[in-house]
Amino acid sequence: MSVAPVRIGFIGAGGIARQRHLPGLKAIDGIELVAVANRSRASAERIARDWGFLGPRLRVCDDWRAVIEQPDVDAVFIGTPPYLHCEATLAALEAGKHVFCQARLARDYREALAMYERARRSDRVTMVCPPPHALAGDFVVQRLLREGLVGQLYHVAVRGLGQDYADAEAPLHWRQDAFLSGYNTLALGMWFEVLHRWVGHFASITAQAAYHVPRRRRPGSVQPVEVRIADSLGIVGTLKNGAIAVLDVSGSTRFAGSPRIELFGSAGTLVYEVSGDRILAARTGDAGLEPVPISAEEQRHWTAEADFIRAIREGTPVSPDFEEGLRYMEATEAVYRAARSGQTISLPLEL
């Protein structure tokens, strides 16, 4: 049975687009790429050629605004760093386009709020790219929590340690550039997004930030610049359900082991080891933690592109939507407000 075509324009088609979005879209019937703008015209032409989206309607654009201006573009994938997400999203919605926005949603809470409020006034589908962290076992964890495995939640521990920025001589990565990335730090927003889904939102946040290499040179330059995105964060928060959440996040920790989320409660403990998607659990009275299988029927797969297109065609809900994105941007900015002020920050935030 034939399906109505959905014509896609790409604003930014970097690594995540090549790894996930373009293959995901290619697997869906009736998808046409009709416009693309990338960092350079040569790279945009290479994307169009490599992914076989050549056709009579294809436009390789030198300006991202030209993608939105194409009358036959139904939906826009925004794959740039966060600095352009707000401006491009508002322009696309104003032009009547559906929007799939690469995570993180925006640079800060103000931009995220503007995107959320504009999306609420639109009848277009707006979706944010989900995190791959803890994806495979997500449905299993949610079921175990519904079944009361941990009982009343007491304590949450997130260990998000890695070595992305451990080399003090490495140049400034674009993810460390506050103009490009805003408050987004390492996988912090992803941790918040997963926690919000599993255990709810935060009522307050206290934090400390460390800048182990306070100045780095920009790529292609010998001139050092200030690093304004933290290398390490220590976060203590209170969830709305009363539990304490402790997040230990760093990009300067070699040989730190697997990232993990631990949930401790009145009736049991649940541990998710992100590397390998391994779930461990124990109830009060058990001898220790035991593996919990992720069955083929319950495993959650990457379906972001298919979910977005289905929402356009059938009106089904999407997740994460812009409200979910707003909530993790709110928590991320609260971390920096707390670290800079030395005070506990209550949520929701005030602008």
Protein backbone atom coordinates (compact mmCIF):
# COMPACT_ATOMS: atom_id res chain seq x y z
CA MET A 1 0.00 0.00 0.00
CA SER A 2 1.41 3.38 -0.97
CA VAL A 3 1.96 6.03 1.68
CA ALA A 4 1.91 9.79 1.40
CA PRO A 5 5.44 11.11 0.88
CA VAL A 6 7.08 13.12 3.65
CA ARG A 7 9.71 15.49 2.29
CA ILE A 8 12.61 16.20 4.60
CA GLY A 9 15.10 19.06 4.81
CA PHE A 10 18.30 18.76 6.85
CA ILE A 11 19.92 21.69 8.62
CA GLY A 12 23.22 20.17 9.68
CA ALA A 13 24.01 16.57 8.81
CA GLY A 14 26.95 15.56 10.98
CA GLY A 15 27.87 12.36 12.81
CA ILE A 16 24.54 11.61 14.46
CA ALA A 17 22.68 12.20 11.20
CA ARG A 18 24.93 9.75 9.36
CA GLN A 19 24.90 7.20 12.19
CA ARG A 20 21.19 7.21 13.00
CA HIS A 21 18.86 9.70 11.29
CA LEU A 22 19.71 9.10 7.65
CA PRO A 23 19.74 5.28 7.96
CA GLY A 24 16.52 5.46 9.98
CA LEU A 25 14.79 7.61 7.37
CA LYS A 26 16.07 5.47 4.49
CA ALA A 27 14.29 2.49 6.03
CA ILE A 28 10.87 4.23 5.89
CA ASP A 29 8.71 4.13 2.79
CA GLY A 30 7.81 7.43 1.16
CA ILE A 31 10.62 9.55 2.60
CA GLU A 32 12.30 12.06 0.31
CA LEU A 33 15.23 14.32 1.15
CA VAL A 34 14.61 17.50 -0.78
CA ALA A 35 16.98 20.01 0.82
CA VAL A 36 20.18 19.99 2.85
CA ALA A 37 22.49 22.63 4.28
CA ASN A 38 25.66 21.65 6.07
CA ARG A 39 28.77 23.38 7.35
CA SER A 40 30.05 23.66 3.77
CA ARG A 41 28.48 23.18 0.38
CA ALA A 42 30.96 20.40 -0.38
CA SER A 43 29.93 18.42 2.72
CA ALA A 44 26.23 18.97 1.93
CA GLU A 45 26.76 17.68 -1.61
CA ARG A 46 28.62 14.67 -0.20
CA ILE A 47 25.72 13.87 2.15
CA ALA A 48 23.25 14.09 -0.73
CA ARG A 49 25.40 11.85 -2.90
CA ASP A 50 26.38 9.28 -0.28
CA TRP A 51 22.85 8.71 0.94
CA GLY A 52 21.25 8.46 -2.46
CA PHE A 53 18.85 11.33 -2.01
CA LEU A 54 19.53 12.72 -5.45
CA GLY A 55 16.50 13.66 -7.48
CA PRO A 56 14.78 16.42 -9.41
CA ARG A 57 13.61 18.20 -6.25
CA LEU A 58 16.90 18.10 -4.32
CA ARG A 59 18.42 21.42 -3.28
CA VAL A 60 21.86 21.76 -1.74
CA CYS A 61 21.60 25.05 0.13
CA ASP A 62 24.36 27.40 1.19
CA ASP A 63 22.20 28.93 3.96
CA TRP A 64 20.11 26.98 6.45
CA ARG A 65 17.25 29.44 6.01
CA ALA A 66 16.91 28.33 2.40
CA VAL A 67 16.02 24.82 3.61
CA ILE A 68 13.07 26.20 5.56
CA GLU A 69 12.00 28.40 2.67
CA GLN A 70 11.52 25.44 0.31
CA PRO A 71 7.74 25.10 -0.16
CA ASP A 72 7.86 21.33 -0.59
CA VAL A 73 9.77 20.67 2.66
CA ASP A 74 7.29 19.11 5.11
CA ALA A 75 9.66 18.51 8.02
CA VAL A 76 13.06 19.76 9.11
CA PHE A 77 15.77 17.80 10.91
CA ILE A 78 17.97 20.22 12.85
CA GLY A 79 21.34 18.53 13.39
CA THR A 80 23.60 21.44 14.28
CA PRO A 81 25.15 22.08 17.70
CA PRO A 82 22.69 23.65 20.17
CA TYR A 83 23.55 27.27 19.28
CA LEU A 84 21.20 27.18 16.27
CA HIS A 85 18.42 25.00 17.65
CA CYS A 86 16.21 27.79 18.96
CA GLU A 87 16.50 30.14 15.98
CA ALA A 88 16.06 27.39 13.39
CA THR A 89 13.16 25.76 15.27
CA LEU A 90 11.23 29.01 15.62
CA ALA A 91 11.77 29.78 11.93
CA ALA A 92 10.69 26.30 10.86
CA LEU A 93 7.52 26.36 12.97
CA GLU A 94 6.70 29.83 11.68
CA ALA A 95 6.97 28.39 8.16
CA GLY A 96 4.63 25.52 9.05
CA LYS A 97 7.23 22.74 9.12
CA HIS A 98 7.38 19.77 11.46
CA VAL A 99 10.60 19.80 13.52
CA PHE A 100 12.92 17.06 14.72
CA CYS A 101 15.61 18.71 16.86
CA GLN A 102 18.89 17.10 17.73
CA ALA A 103 19.57 16.87 21.46
CA ARG A 104 20.32 18.79 23.55
CA LEU A 105 17.21 20.90 22.97
CA ALA A 106 18.85 24.34 23.37
CA ARG A 107 21.73 26.18 25.00
CA ASP A 108 19.83 27.26 28.07
CA TYR A 109 16.47 27.35 29.77
CA ARG A 110 15.39 30.64 28.17
CA GLU A 111 15.89 29.28 24.65
CA ALA A 112 14.23 25.98 25.54
CA LEU A 113 11.22 27.81 26.98
CA ALA A 114 10.84 29.87 23.81
CA MET A 115 10.89 26.69 21.72
CA TYR A 116 8.41 24.93 24.00
CA GLU A 117 5.97 27.84 24.05
CA ARG A 118 6.11 28.22 20.26
CA ALA A 119 5.55 24.49 19.80
CA ARG A 120 2.48 24.64 22.04
CA ARG A 121 0.95 27.24 19.72
CA SER A 122 1.59 25.08 16.67
CA ASP A 123 -0.18 22.05 15.23
CA ARG A 124 3.14 20.74 13.87
CA VAL A 125 4.95 17.71 15.31
CA THR A 126 7.94 18.70 17.45
CA MET A 127 10.30 16.02 18.70
CA VAL A 128 13.73 15.94 20.32
CA CYS A 129 16.31 13.26 19.62
CA PRO A 130 16.24 10.74 22.51
CA PRO A 131 19.35 9.63 24.40
CA PRO A 132 20.80 6.19 23.64
CA HIS A 133 21.77 5.82 27.31
CA ALA A 134 19.88 3.01 29.07
CA LEU A 135 17.63 2.58 26.05
CA ALA A 136 17.59 -1.20 25.67
CA GLY A 137 16.36 -1.85 29.22
CA ASP A 138 14.14 1.20 29.60
CA PHE A 139 10.83 -0.70 29.41
CA VAL A 140 12.11 -3.32 31.89
CA VAL A 141 13.15 -0.68 34.44
CA GLN A 142 9.84 1.15 34.14
CA ARG A 143 7.95 -2.12 34.64
CA LEU A 144 10.00 -3.09 37.70
CA LEU A 145 9.39 0.32 39.25
CA ARG A 146 5.64 0.08 38.55
CA GLU A 147 5.64 -3.34 40.20
CA GLY A 148 7.18 -1.82 43.33
CA LEU A 149 10.57 -3.52 43.27
CA VAL A 150 12.32 -0.69 45.14
CA GLY A 151 9.28 0.37 47.18
CA GLN A 152 9.51 3.93 48.42
CA LEU A 153 12.48 5.51 46.69
CA TYR A 154 15.12 6.75 49.13
CA HIS A 155 18.28 7.46 47.19
CA VAL A 156 19.44 7.75 43.57
CA ALA A 157 23.10 7.60 42.53
CA VAL A 158 24.36 8.37 39.03
CA ARG A 159 27.96 7.64 38.14
CA GLY A 160 28.72 9.34 34.84
CA LEU A 161 32.51 9.34 34.73
CA GLY A 162 34.66 9.28 31.61
CA GLN A 163 37.81 10.63 30.02
CA ASP A 164 36.55 12.82 27.18
CA TYR A 165 38.51 15.85 28.46
CA ALA A 166 41.27 14.12 30.43
CA ASP A 167 43.99 15.23 27.98
CA ALA A 168 45.03 18.67 29.23
CA GLU A 169 46.84 19.41 25.96
CA ALA A 170 43.86 18.72 23.68
CA PRO A 171 42.24 21.72 21.98
CA LEU A 172 38.83 23.01 22.95
CA HIS A 173 36.15 20.61 21.78
CA TRP A 174 33.00 22.18 20.36
CA ARG A 175 31.06 20.63 23.24
CA GLN A 176 33.22 22.72 25.61
CA ASP A 177 32.44 25.92 23.72
CA ALA A 178 29.75 27.74 25.69
CA PHE A 179 28.62 29.71 22.64
CA LEU A 180 27.92 26.51 20.73
CA SER A 181 26.71 24.32 23.59
CA GLY A 182 25.43 26.63 26.32
CA TYR A 183 25.06 24.84 29.66
CA ASN A 184 25.08 21.36 28.13
CA THR A 185 27.85 19.37 29.79
CA LEU A 186 29.02 15.88 28.86
CA ALA A 187 26.01 13.51 29.23
CA LEU A 188 24.40 15.53 32.04
CA GLY A 189 21.21 16.30 30.12
CA MET A 190 20.86 12.65 29.15
CA TRP A 191 21.16 11.57 32.79
CA PHE A 192 18.45 14.04 33.75
CA GLU A 193 16.24 12.86 30.91
CA VAL A 194 16.50 9.21 32.00
CA LEU A 195 15.95 10.06 35.67
CA HIS A 196 12.89 12.16 34.85
CA ARG A 197 11.43 9.19 32.99
CA TRP A 198 12.16 6.69 35.76
CA VAL A 199 11.84 8.56 39.06
CA GLY A 200 10.34 11.99 38.33
CA HIS A 201 11.52 15.58 38.44
CA PHE A 202 13.69 17.56 40.83
CA ALA A 203 12.43 19.95 43.50
CA SER A 204 15.85 21.47 44.23
CA ILE A 205 19.49 21.18 43.17
CA THR A 206 22.84 21.98 44.83
CA ALA A 207 26.09 21.63 42.88
CA GLN A 208 29.82 22.18 42.67
CA ALA A 209 31.71 22.62 39.39
CA ALA A 210 35.41 22.17 38.64
CA TYR A 211 37.38 23.42 35.65
CA HIS A 212 40.49 21.26 35.70
CA VAL A 213 41.88 22.78 32.50
CA PRO A 214 40.59 26.36 32.69
CA ARG A 215 42.05 27.46 29.34
CA ARG A 216 42.41 25.56 26.08
CA ARG A 217 43.40 26.62 22.60
CA ARG A 218 40.82 26.65 19.85
CA PRO A 219 41.37 24.13 17.03
CA GLY A 220 43.75 25.61 14.48
CA SER A 221 44.92 28.31 16.86
CA VAL A 222 47.61 28.77 19.49
CA GLN A 223 45.53 31.34 21.36
CA PRO A 224 44.04 29.91 24.58
CA VAL A 225 40.47 30.77 25.56
CA GLU A 226 38.55 30.38 28.79
CA VAL A 227 36.70 27.09 29.25
CA ARG A 228 33.26 27.85 30.64
CA ILE A 229 31.80 24.34 30.57
CA ALA A 230 32.83 22.32 33.61
CA ASP A 231 35.12 19.30 33.47
CA SER A 232 33.56 17.80 36.61
CA LEU A 233 30.26 18.30 38.40
CA GLY A 234 29.13 17.12 41.82
CA ILE A 235 25.36 17.41 42.17
CA VAL A 236 22.98 16.73 45.03
CA GLY A 237 19.30 17.16 44.43
CA THR A 238 15.98 16.45 46.09
CA LEU A 239 13.35 14.83 43.92
CA LYS A 240 9.72 15.83 44.18
CA ASN A 241 8.98 12.42 45.67
CA GLY A 242 11.39 13.18 48.54
CA ALA A 243 14.31 11.00 47.48
CA ILE A 244 17.88 12.29 47.38
CA ALA A 245 19.71 12.13 44.04
CA VAL A 246 23.50 12.34 43.77
CA LEU A 247 25.11 12.75 40.34
CA ASP A 248 28.86 12.38 39.87
CA VAL A 249 29.73 13.58 36.37
CA SER A 250 33.20 14.12 34.91
CA GLY A 251 35.13 14.07 31.66
CA SER A 252 38.54 13.94 33.39
CA THR A 253 38.46 10.47 34.95
CA ARG A 254 40.51 7.73 33.32
CA PHE A 255 39.70 4.05 34.02
CA ALA A 256 36.52 5.02 35.85
CA GLY A 257 34.48 1.99 34.85
CA SER A 258 30.98 1.71 33.48
CA PRO A 259 28.50 4.56 33.90
CA ARG A 260 25.58 3.44 36.02
CA ILE A 261 22.35 4.47 37.69
CA GLU A 262 21.49 3.06 41.13
CA LEU A 263 18.05 3.26 42.73
CA PHE A 264 17.73 2.40 46.44
CA GLY A 265 14.39 2.11 48.22
CA SER A 266 12.47 0.64 51.12
CA ALA A 267 11.85 -2.68 49.37
CA GLY A 268 14.88 -3.20 47.14
CA THR A 269 17.66 -1.95 44.89
CA LEU A 270 17.84 -1.56 41.12
CA VAL A 271 21.09 -0.96 39.23
CA TYR A 272 21.48 -0.14 35.53
CA GLU A 273 24.96 -0.52 34.06
CA VAL A 274 24.91 1.57 30.90
CA SER A 275 27.81 -0.17 29.16
CA GLY A 276 26.25 -3.41 28.03
CA ASP A 277 22.74 -2.43 29.18
CA ARG A 278 22.94 -4.73 32.21
CA ILE A 279 20.21 -4.61 34.87
CA LEU A 280 20.79 -5.90 38.41
CA ALA A 281 18.19 -6.04 41.17
CA ALA A 282 17.58 -7.33 44.68
CA ARG A 283 14.67 -7.24 47.07
CA THR A 284 14.92 -6.93 50.83
CA GLY A 285 15.97 -10.34 52.16
CA ASP A 286 17.81 -11.42 49.01
CA ALA A 287 21.45 -12.49 49.28
CA GLY A 288 22.59 -9.92 46.73
CA LEU A 289 22.05 -8.34 43.35
CA GLU A 290 21.07 -10.67 40.52
CA PRO A 291 20.85 -9.99 36.77
CA VAL A 292 17.45 -9.14 35.32
CA PRO A 293 17.09 -10.29 31.71
CA ILE A 294 15.98 -7.95 28.96
CA SER A 295 13.79 -10.15 26.81
CA ALA A 296 13.50 -9.67 23.07
CA GLU A 297 9.84 -8.76 23.56
CA GLU A 298 10.61 -6.10 26.17
CA GLN A 299 13.79 -4.64 24.72
CA ARG A 300 13.44 -1.04 23.60
CA HIS A 301 14.95 -0.28 20.22
CA TRP A 302 15.96 2.95 18.51
CA THR A 303 12.84 4.08 16.61
CA ALA A 304 13.18 7.88 16.76
CA GLU A 305 12.92 8.56 13.05
CA ALA A 306 10.02 6.13 12.58
CA ASP A 307 8.21 7.63 15.59
CA PHE A 308 8.57 11.13 14.16
CA ILE A 309 7.25 10.15 10.71
CA ARG A 310 4.40 8.15 12.23
CA ALA A 311 3.39 11.19 14.29
CA ILE A 312 3.28 13.29 11.12
CA ARG A 313 1.22 10.73 9.24
CA GLU A 314 -1.01 9.41 12.00
CA GLY A 315 -0.99 11.97 14.80
CA THR A 316 0.59 9.62 17.37
CA PRO A 317 2.44 11.14 20.35
CA VAL A 318 6.23 11.45 20.39
CA SER A 319 8.80 11.14 23.15
CA PRO A 320 10.86 13.02 24.01
CA ASP A 321 8.79 16.06 23.10
CA PHE A 322 9.70 19.69 23.70
CA GLU A 323 8.29 19.63 27.24
CA GLU A 324 10.65 16.80 28.17
CA GLY A 325 13.48 18.76 26.61
CA LEU A 326 12.50 21.86 28.55
CA ARG A 327 12.59 19.93 31.83
CA TYR A 328 16.13 18.60 31.37
CA MET A 329 17.36 22.01 30.21
CA GLU A 330 15.83 23.50 33.35
CA ALA A 331 17.69 21.01 35.55
CA THR A 332 20.94 21.52 33.63
CA GLU A 333 20.83 25.28 34.05
CA ALA A 334 19.92 24.88 37.73
CA VAL A 335 23.21 22.99 38.21
CA TYR A 336 25.23 25.97 36.95
CA ARG A 337 23.17 28.50 38.88
CA ALA A 338 23.76 26.48 42.05
CA ALA A 339 27.49 26.05 41.43
CA ARG A 340 28.01 29.75 40.71
CA SER A 341 25.90 31.06 43.59
CA GLY A 342 26.78 28.47 46.23
CA GLN A 343 23.06 28.19 46.94
CA THR A 344 20.40 25.55 46.57
CA ILE A 345 18.26 26.28 43.53
CA SER A 346 14.55 25.49 43.65
CA LEU A 347 12.68 24.30 40.61
CA PRO A 348 10.83 25.40 38.54
CA LEU A 349 13.34 28.06 37.58
CA GLU A 350 12.60 31.73 37.32
CA LEU A 351 14.01 33.66 34.37
